[in-house]
Amino acid sequence: MNDRDDRIEEPSAVLRHLGIRQTAWTEDFAQVEAEITPVLLNRSGIPHGGIYATMLDTAMGYSGAYTGRLEDRQMTLTLSMTVNYLSRPKGQRLIAEGRRTGGGARTFFTEGRLTDETGELIATAVGTFRKRGV
């Protein structure tokens, strides 16, 4: 039996290496998660800010790429992204959500939130993305 949601893509090599996996994907929304492991930590023993940015970038990019069918893949690229670092995690799992907030056929705008499983708000982001091949 396959419990995997057939609308969720397998992670890219870098996401797989970091332990980041997509956990939700619908029109204008995407979510990725990662367990906090030693490979994600900085010198202070907390997840590196680049991990937060990578997770937010991934979730926000996917939020504008949903087609409903894996065989009809829509690729995107980041034009700009601003991350605001607010707190440190209290839990053991990072959860990034991205929401498409507007845009047109080619360029779209997003908002992102990074929390942990306790609900602690760790970082927020906004981004502008372009759909490739449109």
C-alpha atoms as a PDB file:
ATOM      1  CA  MET A   1       0.000   0.000   0.000  1.00  0.00           C
ATOM      2  CA  ASN A   2       1.267   3.489  -0.909  1.00  0.00           C
ATOM      3  CA  ASP A   3       0.554   6.161   1.741  1.00  0.00           C
ATOM      4  CA  ARG A   4       2.321   8.873  -0.263  1.00  0.00           C
ATOM      5  CA  ASP A   5       0.222  11.734  -1.669  1.00  0.00           C
ATOM      6  CA  ASP A   6       0.678  11.497  -5.453  1.00  0.00           C
ATOM      7  CA  ARG A   7       0.490  15.299  -5.750  1.00  0.00           C
ATOM      8  CA  ILE A   8       3.651  15.770  -3.657  1.00  0.00           C
ATOM      9  CA  GLU A   9       6.985  15.674  -5.469  1.00  0.00           C
ATOM     10  CA  GLU A  10       9.981  13.715  -4.308  1.00  0.00           C
ATOM     11  CA  PRO A  11      12.595  16.076  -2.819  1.00  0.00           C
ATOM     12  CA  SER A  12      15.515  17.346  -4.874  1.00  0.00           C
ATOM     13  CA  ALA A  13      18.993  16.110  -3.959  1.00  0.00           C
ATOM     14  CA  VAL A  14      19.768  19.120  -1.755  1.00  0.00           C
ATOM     15  CA  LEU A  15      16.442  18.906   0.093  1.00  0.00           C
ATOM     16  CA  ARG A  16      16.880  15.156   0.591  1.00  0.00           C
ATOM     17  CA  HIS A  17      20.421  15.772   1.923  1.00  0.00           C
ATOM     18  CA  LEU A  18      19.119  18.325   4.432  1.00  0.00           C
ATOM     19  CA  GLY A  19      16.132  16.176   5.431  1.00  0.00           C
ATOM     20  CA  ILE A  20      13.550  18.641   4.088  1.00  0.00           C
ATOM     21  CA  ARG A  21      10.374  17.037   2.753  1.00  0.00           C
ATOM     22  CA  GLN A  22       7.197  18.429   1.255  1.00  0.00           C
ATOM     23  CA  THR A  23       4.176  17.652   3.442  1.00  0.00           C
ATOM     24  CA  ALA A  24       1.345  19.622   1.798  1.00  0.00           C
ATOM     25  CA  TRP A  25       0.717  21.141  -1.607  1.00  0.00           C
ATOM     26  CA  THR A  26      -2.476  22.660  -2.963  1.00  0.00           C
ATOM     27  CA  GLU A  27      -3.328  25.621  -5.144  1.00  0.00           C
ATOM     28  CA  ASP A  28      -1.535  28.714  -3.783  1.00  0.00           C
ATOM     29  CA  PHE A  29      -0.118  26.827  -0.754  1.00  0.00           C
ATOM     30  CA  ALA A  30       2.833  24.573   0.032  1.00  0.00           C
ATOM     31  CA  GLN A  31       4.387  23.235   3.213  1.00  0.00           C
ATOM     32  CA  VAL A  32       7.777  21.632   3.885  1.00  0.00           C
ATOM     33  CA  GLU A  33       9.132  20.195   7.117  1.00  0.00           C
ATOM     34  CA  ALA A  34      12.436  19.053   8.589  1.00  0.00           C
ATOM     35  CA  GLU A  35      13.462  17.432  11.838  1.00  0.00           C
ATOM     36  CA  ILE A  36      16.165  19.433  13.604  1.00  0.00           C
ATOM     37  CA  THR A  37      19.293  17.301  13.337  1.00  0.00           C
ATOM     38  CA  PRO A  38      22.976  18.098  14.002  1.00  0.00           C
ATOM     39  CA  VAL A  39      23.675  18.681  10.288  1.00  0.00           C
ATOM     40  CA  LEU A  40      21.326  21.720  10.354  1.00  0.00           C
ATOM     41  CA  LEU A  41      22.966  23.444  13.334  1.00  0.00           C
ATOM     42  CA  ASN A  42      25.255  26.476  13.362  1.00  0.00           C
ATOM     43  CA  ARG A  43      28.090  27.224  15.804  1.00  0.00           C
ATOM     44  CA  SER A  44      25.565  28.285  18.455  1.00  0.00           C
ATOM     45  CA  GLY A  45      23.807  24.927  18.330  1.00  0.00           C
ATOM     46  CA  ILE A  46      20.621  26.214  16.674  1.00  0.00           C
ATOM     47  CA  PRO A  47      19.540  25.727  13.059  1.00  0.00           C
ATOM     48  CA  HIS A  48      21.523  27.879  10.638  1.00  0.00           C
ATOM     49  CA  GLY A  49      19.593  30.847   9.212  1.00  0.00           C
ATOM     50  CA  GLY A  50      20.314  29.501   5.730  1.00  0.00           C
ATOM     51  CA  ILE A  51      18.188  26.451   6.563  1.00  0.00           C
ATOM     52  CA  TYR A  52      15.286  28.730   7.461  1.00  0.00           C
ATOM     53  CA  ALA A  53      15.762  30.647   4.188  1.00  0.00           C
ATOM     54  CA  THR A  54      16.004  27.424   2.159  1.00  0.00           C
ATOM     55  CA  MET A  55      12.805  26.065   3.665  1.00  0.00           C
ATOM     56  CA  LEU A  56      10.916  29.332   3.142  1.00  0.00           C
ATOM     57  CA  ASP A  57      12.216  29.675  -0.426  1.00  0.00           C
ATOM     58  CA  THR A  58      11.131  26.118  -1.198  1.00  0.00           C
ATOM     59  CA  ALA A  59       7.641  26.461   0.280  1.00  0.00           C
ATOM     60  CA  MET A  60       7.008  29.848  -1.340  1.00  0.00           C
ATOM     61  CA  GLY A  61       8.265  28.697  -4.752  1.00  0.00           C
ATOM     62  CA  TYR A  62       6.067  25.610  -4.663  1.00  0.00           C
ATOM     63  CA  SER A  63       3.039  27.697  -3.622  1.00  0.00           C
ATOM     64  CA  GLY A  64       2.906  29.186  -7.122  1.00  0.00           C
ATOM     65  CA  ALA A  65       3.755  25.986  -8.990  1.00  0.00           C
ATOM     66  CA  TYR A  66       0.809  23.733  -8.159  1.00  0.00           C
ATOM     67  CA  THR A  67      -0.878  22.117 -11.169  1.00  0.00           C
ATOM     68  CA  GLY A  68      -2.620  19.189  -9.461  1.00  0.00           C
ATOM     69  CA  ARG A  69      -0.710  16.653 -11.570  1.00  0.00           C
ATOM     70  CA  LEU A  70       2.908  15.624 -11.049  1.00  0.00           C
ATOM     71  CA  GLU A  71       3.319  14.861 -14.746  1.00  0.00           C
ATOM     72  CA  ASP A  72       2.419  18.502 -15.510  1.00  0.00           C
ATOM     73  CA  ARG A  73       5.325  20.086 -13.637  1.00  0.00           C
ATOM     74  CA  GLN A  74       5.595  23.858 -13.322  1.00  0.00           C
ATOM     75  CA  MET A  75       9.093  25.060 -12.482  1.00  0.00           C
ATOM     76  CA  THR A  76       9.760  28.383 -10.743  1.00  0.00           C
ATOM     77  CA  LEU A  77      12.748  30.528  -9.900  1.00  0.00           C
ATOM     78  CA  THR A  78      13.264  33.051  -7.139  1.00  0.00           C
ATOM     79  CA  LEU A  79      13.584  36.667  -8.260  1.00  0.00           C
ATOM     80  CA  SER A  80      13.786  38.164  -4.768  1.00  0.00           C
ATOM     81  CA  MET A  81      13.244  37.079  -1.194  1.00  0.00           C
ATOM     82  CA  THR A  82      13.413  38.876   2.143  1.00  0.00           C
ATOM     83  CA  VAL A  83      13.623  36.883   5.373  1.00  0.00           C
ATOM     84  CA  ASN A  84      12.936  38.245   8.857  1.00  0.00           C
ATOM     85  CA  TYR A  85      14.467  36.156  11.643  1.00  0.00           C
ATOM     86  CA  LEU A  86      12.309  36.424  14.770  1.00  0.00           C
ATOM     87  CA  SER A  87      13.033  33.636  17.232  1.00  0.00           C
ATOM     88  CA  ARG A  88      14.673  30.287  17.765  1.00  0.00           C
ATOM     89  CA  PRO A  89      12.851  26.965  17.748  1.00  0.00           C
ATOM     90  CA  LYS A  90      11.526  25.525  20.997  1.00  0.00           C
ATOM     91  CA  GLY A  91      10.621  22.172  19.435  1.00  0.00           C
ATOM     92  CA  GLN A  92      12.368  19.619  17.268  1.00  0.00           C
ATOM     93  CA  ARG A  93      10.643  20.059  13.874  1.00  0.00           C
ATOM     94  CA  LEU A  94      10.713  23.038  11.509  1.00  0.00           C
ATOM     95  CA  ILE A  95       7.591  23.760   9.424  1.00  0.00           C
ATOM     96  CA  ALA A  96       7.655  26.254   6.545  1.00  0.00           C
ATOM     97  CA  GLU A  97       4.455  27.361   4.830  1.00  0.00           C
ATOM     98  CA  GLY A  98       4.301  29.381   1.641  1.00  0.00           C
ATOM     99  CA  ARG A  99       1.249  31.155   0.244  1.00  0.00           C
ATOM    100  CA  ARG A 100       0.882  32.726  -3.180  1.00  0.00           C
ATOM    101  CA  THR A 101      -0.621  36.168  -2.571  1.00  0.00           C
ATOM    102  CA  GLY A 102      -0.911  37.528  -6.103  1.00  0.00           C
ATOM    103  CA  GLY A 103       0.702  38.034  -9.451  1.00  0.00           C
ATOM    104  CA  GLY A 104       0.010  37.157 -13.030  1.00  0.00           C
ATOM    105  CA  ALA A 105       0.620  34.403 -15.530  1.00  0.00           C
ATOM    106  CA  ARG A 106       4.405  34.585 -15.211  1.00  0.00           C
ATOM    107  CA  THR A 107       5.407  36.400 -12.031  1.00  0.00           C
ATOM    108  CA  PHE A 108       3.858  35.788  -8.628  1.00  0.00           C
ATOM    109  CA  PHE A 109       4.195  37.061  -5.069  1.00  0.00           C
ATOM    110  CA  THR A 110       4.346  35.031  -1.885  1.00  0.00           C
ATOM    111  CA  GLU A 111       4.430  35.142   1.889  1.00  0.00           C
ATOM    112  CA  GLY A 112       6.069  32.543   4.090  1.00  0.00           C
ATOM    113  CA  ARG A 113       6.062  31.564   7.755  1.00  0.00           C
ATOM    114  CA  LEU A 114       8.460  29.245   9.541  1.00  0.00           C
ATOM    115  CA  THR A 115       7.329  27.745  12.844  1.00  0.00           C
ATOM    116  CA  ASP A 116       8.112  24.678  14.879  1.00  0.00           C
ATOM    117  CA  GLU A 117       5.661  22.055  16.100  1.00  0.00           C
ATOM    118  CA  THR A 118       5.041  24.079  19.291  1.00  0.00           C
ATOM    119  CA  GLY A 119       3.757  26.996  17.187  1.00  0.00           C
ATOM    120  CA  GLU A 120       6.797  29.214  17.857  1.00  0.00           C
ATOM    121  CA  LEU A 121       7.091  31.748  15.005  1.00  0.00           C
ATOM    122  CA  ILE A 122      10.757  31.592  13.965  1.00  0.00           C
ATOM    123  CA  ALA A 123      10.917  33.528  10.689  1.00  0.00           C
ATOM    124  CA  THR A 124       8.752  35.174   8.052  1.00  0.00           C
ATOM    125  CA  ALA A 125       9.486  35.966   4.426  1.00  0.00           C
ATOM    126  CA  VAL A 126       8.129  37.581   1.301  1.00  0.00           C
ATOM    127  CA  GLY A 127       9.208  36.702  -2.179  1.00  0.00           C
ATOM    128  CA  THR A 128       8.777  37.306  -5.874  1.00  0.00           C
ATOM    129  CA  PHE A 129       9.029  34.302  -8.185  1.00  0.00           C
ATOM    130  CA  ARG A 130       8.829  33.625 -11.903  1.00  0.00           C
ATOM    131  CA  LYS A 131       7.251  30.621 -13.547  1.00  0.00           C
ATOM    132  CA  ARG A 132       9.636  29.067 -16.027  1.00  0.00           C
ATOM    133  CA  GLY A 133       8.395  28.108 -19.465  1.00  0.00           C
ATOM    134  CA  VAL A 134       5.296  30.326 -19.363  1.00  0.00           C
END
